[in-house]
């Protein structure tokens, strides 16, 4: 029985990771997060969803409030 060397096993594992779509996706998320200027909210009912959702204007200043009750405050008019 031939036992592969640690270096060989490590090389095979790294090759597997390099081709993984999960690793590629993580790199995309990391690149976005490094350039993002403001909070990212998950679980907020907006966008494409099957249930009730909020319509949010793009390109306006908002404030995220976490306490005493989580909310998103739109601080400027979306249209003039």
C-alpha atoms as a PDB file:
ATOM      1  CA  UNK A   1       0.000   0.000   0.000  1.00  0.00           C
ATOM      2  CA  UNK A   2       1.374   3.396  -0.986  1.00  0.00           C
ATOM      3  CA  UNK A   3       0.632   6.281   1.370  1.00  0.00           C
ATOM      4  CA  UNK A   4       0.653   9.683  -0.364  1.00  0.00           C
ATOM      5  CA  UNK A   5       2.995  12.233   1.118  1.00  0.00           C
ATOM      6  CA  UNK A   6       1.679  15.190   3.064  1.00  0.00           C
ATOM      7  CA  UNK A   7       2.915  17.565   0.347  1.00  0.00           C
ATOM      8  CA  UNK A   8       1.088  15.612  -2.359  1.00  0.00           C
ATOM      9  CA  UNK A   9      -2.161  15.563  -0.353  1.00  0.00           C
ATOM     10  CA  UNK A  10      -1.846  19.254   0.423  1.00  0.00           C
ATOM     11  CA  UNK A  11      -1.226  20.073  -3.243  1.00  0.00           C
ATOM     12  CA  UNK A  12      -4.299  18.070  -4.318  1.00  0.00           C
ATOM     13  CA  UNK A  13      -6.442  19.819  -1.685  1.00  0.00           C
ATOM     14  CA  UNK A  14      -5.237  23.286  -2.745  1.00  0.00           C
ATOM     15  CA  UNK A  15      -5.920  22.429  -6.390  1.00  0.00           C
ATOM     16  CA  UNK A  16      -9.441  21.397  -5.407  1.00  0.00           C
ATOM     17  CA  UNK A  17      -9.962  24.676  -3.513  1.00  0.00           C
ATOM     18  CA  UNK A  18      -8.648  26.779  -6.389  1.00  0.00           C
ATOM     19  CA  UNK A  19     -11.327  25.352  -8.681  1.00  0.00           C
ATOM     20  CA  UNK A  20     -14.138  25.594  -6.160  1.00  0.00           C
ATOM     21  CA  UNK A  21     -17.061  27.906  -7.032  1.00  0.00           C
ATOM     22  CA  UNK A  22     -17.507  28.561  -3.295  1.00  0.00           C
ATOM     23  CA  UNK A  23     -14.007  29.982  -3.002  1.00  0.00           C
ATOM     24  CA  UNK A  24     -14.606  32.118  -6.107  1.00  0.00           C
ATOM     25  CA  UNK A  25     -17.878  33.419  -4.646  1.00  0.00           C
ATOM     26  CA  UNK A  26     -16.184  34.225  -1.354  1.00  0.00           C
ATOM     27  CA  UNK A  27     -13.584  36.250  -3.248  1.00  0.00           C
ATOM     28  CA  UNK A  28     -16.358  38.229  -4.949  1.00  0.00           C
ATOM     29  CA  UNK A  29     -18.073  38.928  -1.641  1.00  0.00           C
ATOM     30  CA  UNK A  30     -14.763  39.995  -0.091  1.00  0.00           C
ATOM     31  CA  UNK A  31     -14.034  42.375  -2.996  1.00  0.00           C
ATOM     32  CA  UNK A  32     -17.500  43.942  -2.665  1.00  0.00           C
ATOM     33  CA  UNK A  33     -17.244  44.266   1.120  1.00  0.00           C
ATOM     34  CA  UNK A  34     -13.856  45.983   0.922  1.00  0.00           C
ATOM     35  CA  UNK A  35     -15.307  48.686  -1.365  1.00  0.00           C
ATOM     36  CA  UNK A  36     -18.684  49.029   0.357  1.00  0.00           C
ATOM     37  CA  UNK A  37     -19.124  52.292   2.233  1.00  0.00           C
ATOM     38  CA  UNK A  38     -22.068  51.584   4.361  1.00  0.00           C
ATOM     39  CA  UNK A  39     -23.885  48.968   6.287  1.00  0.00           C
ATOM     40  CA  UNK A  40     -25.050  45.830   4.553  1.00  0.00           C
ATOM     41  CA  UNK A  41     -28.385  44.578   5.835  1.00  0.00           C
ATOM     42  CA  UNK A  42     -29.441  40.970   5.453  1.00  0.00           C
ATOM     43  CA  UNK A  43     -32.914  39.597   5.962  1.00  0.00           C
ATOM     44  CA  UNK A  44     -34.621  42.924   5.167  1.00  0.00           C
ATOM     45  CA  UNK A  45     -37.774  42.291   3.106  1.00  0.00           C
ATOM     46  CA  UNK A  46     -36.951  44.180  -0.099  1.00  0.00           C
ATOM     47  CA  UNK A  47     -36.161  43.394  -3.695  1.00  0.00           C
ATOM     48  CA  UNK A  48     -37.279  40.205  -5.393  1.00  0.00           C
ATOM     49  CA  UNK A  49     -39.254  38.196  -2.879  1.00  0.00           C
ATOM     50  CA  UNK A  50     -42.428  36.138  -2.788  1.00  0.00           C
ATOM     51  CA  UNK A  51     -43.861  37.864   0.280  1.00  0.00           C
ATOM     52  CA  UNK A  52     -44.554  41.447   1.269  1.00  0.00           C
ATOM     53  CA  UNK A  53     -41.573  43.731   0.730  1.00  0.00           C
ATOM     54  CA  UNK A  54     -40.399  47.323   0.903  1.00  0.00           C
ATOM     55  CA  UNK A  55     -39.528  49.351  -2.170  1.00  0.00           C
ATOM     56  CA  UNK A  56     -36.278  51.169  -1.503  1.00  0.00           C
ATOM     57  CA  UNK A  57     -35.003  54.105  -3.565  1.00  0.00           C
ATOM     58  CA  UNK A  58     -31.427  53.841  -4.812  1.00  0.00           C
ATOM     59  CA  UNK A  59     -28.817  56.555  -4.395  1.00  0.00           C
ATOM     60  CA  UNK A  60     -30.332  58.356  -1.412  1.00  0.00           C
ATOM     61  CA  UNK A  61     -28.998  58.779   2.106  1.00  0.00           C
ATOM     62  CA  UNK A  62     -30.478  56.428   4.680  1.00  0.00           C
ATOM     63  CA  UNK A  63     -29.872  55.780   8.339  1.00  0.00           C
ATOM     64  CA  UNK A  64     -29.980  52.326   9.903  1.00  0.00           C
ATOM     65  CA  UNK A  65     -31.326  52.276  13.446  1.00  0.00           C
ATOM     66  CA  UNK A  66     -30.756  49.144  15.525  1.00  0.00           C
ATOM     67  CA  UNK A  67     -32.309  50.049  18.871  1.00  0.00           C
ATOM     68  CA  UNK A  68     -34.811  50.155  20.446  1.00  0.00           C
ATOM     69  CA  UNK A  69     -36.453  48.726  17.297  1.00  0.00           C
ATOM     70  CA  UNK A  70     -34.575  47.982  14.049  1.00  0.00           C
ATOM     71  CA  UNK A  71     -35.537  50.306  11.194  1.00  0.00           C
ATOM     72  CA  UNK A  72     -34.288  51.979   8.029  1.00  0.00           C
ATOM     73  CA  UNK A  73     -34.887  55.749   7.846  1.00  0.00           C
ATOM     74  CA  UNK A  74     -34.788  57.361   4.395  1.00  0.00           C
ATOM     75  CA  UNK A  75     -33.324  60.806   5.054  1.00  0.00           C
ATOM     76  CA  UNK A  76     -33.809  62.509   1.691  1.00  0.00           C
ATOM     77  CA  UNK A  77     -36.413  62.585  -1.034  1.00  0.00           C
ATOM     78  CA  UNK A  78     -35.857  59.998  -3.765  1.00  0.00           C
ATOM     79  CA  UNK A  79     -37.181  62.440  -6.399  1.00  0.00           C
ATOM     80  CA  UNK A  80     -37.134  66.222  -6.667  1.00  0.00           C
END
